[in-house]
Protein backbone atom coordinates (compact mmCIF):
# COMPACT_ATOMS: atom_id res chain seq x y z
CA MET A 1 0.00 0.00 0.00
CA SER A 2 2.82 2.43 0.84
CA ALA A 3 4.44 1.77 -2.55
CA TRP A 4 1.17 2.49 -4.32
CA PHE A 5 0.68 5.68 -2.30
CA GLU A 6 4.11 6.91 -3.38
CA ARG A 7 3.13 6.15 -6.98
CA PHE A 8 -0.12 8.06 -6.41
CA LYS A 9 1.70 11.15 -5.07
CA PHE A 10 4.24 11.02 -7.90
CA ASP A 11 1.53 10.86 -10.58
CA GLY A 12 -0.36 13.67 -8.86
CA ARG A 13 2.62 15.99 -9.15
CA ARG A 14 2.92 15.15 -12.84
CA LEU A 15 -0.80 15.35 -13.63
CA ILE A 16 -1.77 18.39 -11.57
CA LEU A 17 1.17 20.51 -10.41
CA ARG A 18 3.13 20.29 -13.66
CA ASN A 19 0.03 20.51 -15.83
CA PHE A 20 -1.98 23.04 -13.86
CA SER A 21 -2.68 25.24 -16.88
CA PHE A 22 -4.61 22.46 -18.64
CA GLN A 23 -6.56 21.53 -15.50
CA PHE A 24 -7.48 25.19 -15.12
CA PHE A 25 -8.52 25.34 -18.78
CA SER A 26 -10.66 22.20 -18.50
CA LEU A 27 -12.64 23.84 -15.71
CA VAL A 28 -12.77 27.38 -17.10
CA MET A 29 -14.25 26.40 -20.48
CA PRO A 30 -17.24 24.48 -19.04
CA ALA A 31 -17.74 27.22 -16.44
CA GLY A 32 -17.69 29.82 -19.21
CA PHE A 33 -20.26 27.87 -21.22
CA TYR A 34 -22.45 27.57 -18.13
CA LEU A 35 -22.41 31.31 -17.47
CA LEU A 36 -22.87 32.09 -21.18
CA PHE A 37 -26.01 30.00 -21.62
CA THR A 38 -27.58 30.71 -18.22
CA LYS A 39 -26.70 34.39 -17.74
CA VAL A 40 -25.53 36.07 -20.95
CA MET A 41 -27.41 34.58 -23.92
CA VAL A 42 -30.83 34.54 -22.25
CA THR A 43 -34.08 36.42 -22.81
CA GLY A 44 -36.54 36.59 -19.97
CA ASN A 45 -36.44 34.32 -16.96
CA VAL A 46 -34.46 31.12 -17.25
CA PRO A 47 -36.27 28.12 -15.72
CA ALA A 48 -34.65 26.90 -12.53
CA SER A 49 -34.62 23.37 -13.94
CA PHE A 50 -32.45 24.52 -16.87
CA ASN A 51 -29.88 26.06 -14.52
CA VAL A 52 -29.63 22.71 -12.76
CA THR A 53 -29.59 20.41 -15.80
CA TYR A 54 -27.10 22.59 -17.69
CA MET A 55 -24.82 22.43 -14.68
CA GLY A 56 -24.88 18.64 -15.07
CA SER A 57 -24.11 18.96 -18.78
CA MET A 58 -21.03 21.05 -18.08
CA ILE A 59 -19.87 18.64 -15.37
CA VAL A 60 -19.99 15.85 -17.97
CA TYR A 61 -18.26 18.09 -20.54
CA SER A 62 -15.47 18.94 -18.11
CA GLY A 63 -14.86 15.26 -17.37
CA THR A 64 -14.83 14.48 -21.09
CA ILE A 65 -12.19 17.14 -21.77
CA ASN A 66 -10.06 15.81 -18.93
CA ALA A 67 -10.27 12.24 -20.20
CA LEU A 68 -9.87 12.73 -23.95
CA PHE A 69 -7.32 15.53 -23.88
CA GLY A 70 -5.51 15.47 -20.51
CA ILE A 71 -5.39 11.79 -19.54
CA ALA A 72 -4.99 10.55 -23.12
CA ALA A 73 -2.02 12.85 -23.81
CA PHE A 74 -0.45 12.02 -20.44
CA LEU A 75 -0.65 8.26 -21.06
CA GLN A 76 0.73 8.62 -24.58
CA ARG A 77 3.75 10.56 -23.33
CA ASP A 78 4.41 7.92 -20.69
CA ARG A 79 4.18 5.15 -23.28
CA GLU A 80 6.62 6.91 -25.60
CA ALA A 81 9.00 7.49 -22.68
CA GLY A 82 8.96 3.78 -21.82
CA VAL A 83 7.12 4.17 -18.50
CA LEU A 84 4.45 1.64 -19.43
CA GLN A 85 7.07 -0.91 -20.50
CA TRP A 86 9.01 -0.34 -17.28
CA CYS A 87 5.86 -0.93 -15.21
CA TRP A 88 5.12 -4.08 -17.21
CA LEU A 89 8.57 -5.50 -16.38
CA SER A 90 8.48 -4.45 -12.71
CA PRO A 91 7.30 -6.87 -9.96
CA THR A 92 4.12 -4.84 -9.33
CA GLY A 93 3.03 -4.83 -12.98
CA ILE A 94 0.90 -2.21 -14.68
CA ARG A 95 -2.17 -2.32 -12.43
CA PRO A 96 -0.87 0.18 -9.81
CA TYR A 97 0.05 2.58 -12.61
CA TYR A 98 -3.38 2.57 -14.23
CA LEU A 99 -5.10 2.57 -10.82
CA SER A 100 -3.17 5.69 -9.81
CA ILE A 101 -4.00 7.51 -13.04
CA GLY A 102 -7.63 6.44 -12.75
CA CYS A 103 -7.93 7.73 -9.19
CA TRP A 104 -6.51 11.12 -10.18
CA SER A 105 -8.90 11.30 -13.11
CA LEU A 106 -11.84 10.66 -10.78
CA LEU A 107 -10.57 13.31 -8.37
CA MET A 108 -10.43 15.79 -11.24
CA ASN A 109 -14.06 14.96 -12.02
CA THR A 110 -14.86 15.70 -8.38
CA SER A 111 -13.26 19.13 -8.73
CA SER A 112 -15.58 19.89 -11.66
CA VAL A 113 -18.58 19.10 -9.46
CA VAL A 114 -17.26 21.45 -6.76
CA VAL A 115 -16.43 24.32 -9.14
CA LEU A 116 -19.54 24.16 -11.32
CA GLY A 117 -21.77 23.41 -8.36
CA GLY A 118 -20.37 26.45 -6.54
CA ILE A 119 -21.00 28.67 -9.56
CA ALA A 120 -24.53 27.31 -9.94
CA MET A 121 -25.32 28.02 -6.29
CA GLY A 122 -23.59 31.40 -6.13
CA VAL A 123 -24.74 32.83 -9.48
CA ASN A 124 -28.01 31.06 -10.26
CA HIS A 125 -29.05 30.23 -6.69
CA VAL A 126 -29.39 26.53 -7.42
CA SER A 127 -30.57 24.72 -4.31
CA LEU A 128 -30.27 20.95 -3.98
CA SER A 129 -30.43 18.61 -1.03
CA VAL A 130 -27.36 16.96 0.44
CA ALA A 131 -28.55 13.64 -0.98
CA GLN A 132 -28.84 15.14 -4.47
CA TRP A 133 -25.36 16.64 -4.32
CA GLY A 134 -23.99 13.31 -3.13
CA ALA A 135 -25.74 11.47 -5.96
CA ILE A 136 -24.49 14.00 -8.55
CA ALA A 137 -20.92 13.63 -7.31
CA GLY A 138 -21.17 9.82 -7.36
CA ILE A 139 -22.60 9.70 -10.88
CA ALA A 140 -20.05 12.22 -12.17
CA ILE A 141 -17.20 10.20 -10.67
CA LEU A 142 -18.28 6.67 -11.50
CA GLY A 143 -20.41 7.37 -14.55
CA GLN A 144 -17.55 8.95 -16.45
CA LEU A 145 -15.37 5.86 -16.22
CA SER A 146 -16.48 5.20 -19.79
CA THR A 147 -14.96 8.45 -21.10
CA MET A 148 -11.83 7.81 -19.05
CA LEU A 149 -11.48 4.37 -20.65
CA LEU A 150 -12.01 5.95 -24.05
CA GLY A 151 -9.16 8.32 -23.25
CA VAL A 152 -6.94 5.34 -22.37
CA LEU A 153 -7.89 3.66 -25.64
CA ILE A 154 -7.06 6.60 -27.91
CA SER A 155 -3.75 7.13 -26.08
CA PHE A 156 -2.42 4.09 -27.97
CA VAL A 157 -2.14 6.03 -31.25
CA GLU A 158 1.44 6.47 -32.38
CA ARG A 159 1.83 10.23 -32.85
CA ALA A 160 0.94 13.16 -30.59
CA GLU A 161 -0.40 15.09 -33.60
CA THR A 162 -2.74 12.22 -34.45
CA LEU A 163 -3.93 12.04 -30.86
CA SER A 164 -4.71 15.78 -30.83
CA VAL A 165 -6.79 15.50 -33.99
CA LEU A 166 -8.53 12.35 -32.75
CA SER A 167 -9.37 13.96 -29.39
CA ASN A 168 -10.97 16.92 -31.15
CA LEU A 169 -12.88 14.70 -33.60
CA ILE A 170 -14.36 12.69 -30.73
CA THR A 171 -14.90 15.28 -27.99
CA PHE A 172 -16.69 18.13 -29.72
CA PRO A 173 -18.99 16.15 -32.07
CA MET A 174 -19.91 13.86 -29.16
CA ALA A 175 -20.66 16.88 -26.96
CA ILE A 176 -22.92 18.34 -29.64
CA ILE A 177 -24.90 15.24 -30.62
CA SER A 178 -25.36 14.11 -27.02
CA GLY A 179 -26.93 17.43 -26.01
CA LEU A 180 -24.23 18.80 -23.72
CA TRP A 181 -24.05 22.23 -25.35
CA TRP A 182 -27.71 22.71 -26.26
CA PRO A 183 -30.90 20.62 -25.96
CA LEU A 184 -31.00 17.43 -28.01
CA GLY A 185 -34.38 18.47 -29.46
CA LEU A 186 -32.67 21.21 -31.49
CA LEU A 187 -30.76 18.62 -33.53
CA PRO A 188 -32.13 16.94 -36.69
CA ASN A 189 -34.54 14.10 -36.01
CA TRP A 190 -32.27 11.51 -37.62
CA LEU A 191 -29.36 12.53 -35.37
CA GLN A 192 -31.19 12.42 -32.04
CA PRO A 193 -31.34 8.59 -31.72
CA ILE A 194 -27.58 8.44 -32.34
CA GLY A 195 -26.98 11.08 -29.68
CA LYS A 196 -29.00 9.10 -27.15
CA LEU A 197 -26.60 6.19 -27.53
CA MET A 198 -23.54 8.24 -26.57
CA PRO A 199 -22.09 7.65 -23.08
CA THR A 200 -22.08 11.39 -22.44
CA TYR A 201 -25.85 11.57 -23.10
CA LEU A 202 -26.56 8.66 -20.76
CA ILE A 203 -24.56 10.20 -17.93
CA ASN A 204 -26.00 13.67 -18.53
CA ASP A 205 -29.58 12.38 -18.60
CA TRP A 206 -28.92 10.43 -15.41
CA LEU A 207 -27.53 13.52 -13.69
CA GLY A 208 -30.41 15.70 -14.87
CA ARG A 209 -33.03 13.31 -13.55
CA VAL A 210 -31.36 13.10 -10.15
CA ALA A 211 -31.00 16.89 -9.93
CA THR A 212 -34.66 17.54 -10.84
CA HIS A 213 -36.24 14.65 -8.90
CA GLY A 214 -37.12 12.99 -12.19
CA THR A 215 -37.82 9.31 -12.79
CA LEU A 216 -34.61 7.38 -13.24
CA LEU A 217 -34.38 5.35 -16.43
CA THR A 218 -33.00 1.84 -16.41
CA SER A 219 -31.66 2.48 -19.90
CA ASP A 220 -29.35 5.21 -18.58
CA ILE A 221 -27.86 2.93 -15.95
CA LEU A 222 -27.60 -0.15 -18.16
CA GLY A 223 -26.28 1.87 -21.10
CA THR A 224 -23.58 3.48 -18.95
CA GLY A 225 -22.62 0.05 -17.60
CA ALA A 226 -22.50 -1.43 -21.09
CA TRP A 227 -20.15 1.31 -22.31
CA MET A 228 -17.90 0.83 -19.29
CA ILE A 229 -17.67 -2.95 -19.64
CA GLY A 230 -17.24 -2.86 -23.41
CA LEU A 231 -14.49 -0.24 -23.32
CA LEU A 232 -12.78 -1.97 -20.39
CA VAL A 233 -12.54 -5.21 -22.36
CA VAL A 234 -11.14 -3.39 -25.41
CA VAL A 235 -8.59 -1.50 -23.27
CA ILE A 236 -7.39 -4.66 -21.51
CA VAL A 237 -6.94 -6.50 -24.81
CA SER A 238 -5.19 -3.50 -26.37
CA VAL A 239 -2.78 -3.08 -23.43
CA ARG A 240 -1.87 -6.77 -23.45
CA LEU A 241 -1.26 -6.79 -27.21
CA LEU A 242 0.82 -3.62 -27.01
CA LEU A 243 2.98 -4.88 -24.16
CA LYS A 244 3.49 -8.32 -25.68
CA ARG A 245 4.60 -6.69 -28.91
CA SER A 246 6.98 -4.39 -27.05
CA ASP A 247 8.28 -7.31 -24.99
CA GLY A 248 9.00 -9.23 -28.19
CA VAL A 249 10.96 -6.29 -29.60
CA VAL A 250 12.99 -5.98 -26.38
CA ARG A 251 13.81 -9.70 -26.30
CA ALA A 252 14.75 -9.71 -29.97
């Protein structure tokens, strides 16, 4: 446990302290969108339910940025530097490494709940019960494991330039078609069913229903679980293939 904790502290310094500008950016952009659509670009009174549900959308968006830009780039740099190979050959293996990165990713998602929740309460006077805030934090942390796994998966691309393009091609279209930036009903009818299959839509809908005392849908929970399990299987297979290939090169 002490060895893992040292690994955890080491990764925290690399992920947060040495990359503070990106973490700041990943919180400022969603916060800016939240203020823009709830305070600036509004006519008349904004429904209280919209202030709450859009807060959930920006929490999901913040976690998606962290996973597909921050975590993905971090893992790719480590792989290119040989860190992943070194962990694979060490007695502890690669599990502590990925567990440490995963825990920091979840903590970053928690920070988005705190920041955006504070803005929602301070600016738009959003009022939720302790149980609702706890549920929102839990869903934001655990529900976004799917986007974190997607970030791990795309980190296996060979070039940093390719990863940057791929992150943009996934993040922003997925945010649009899953209704994170504006209501899903504004999109073309043929695109809405596709958007409802996205992991970001499932998590966002789940958060919105908890925040507004809505009826929880089994499809949101099962869909989120299906994305998590499916991506986890693909990531495990990809990591094993990558490390076996690298091991063969080293032995040769």
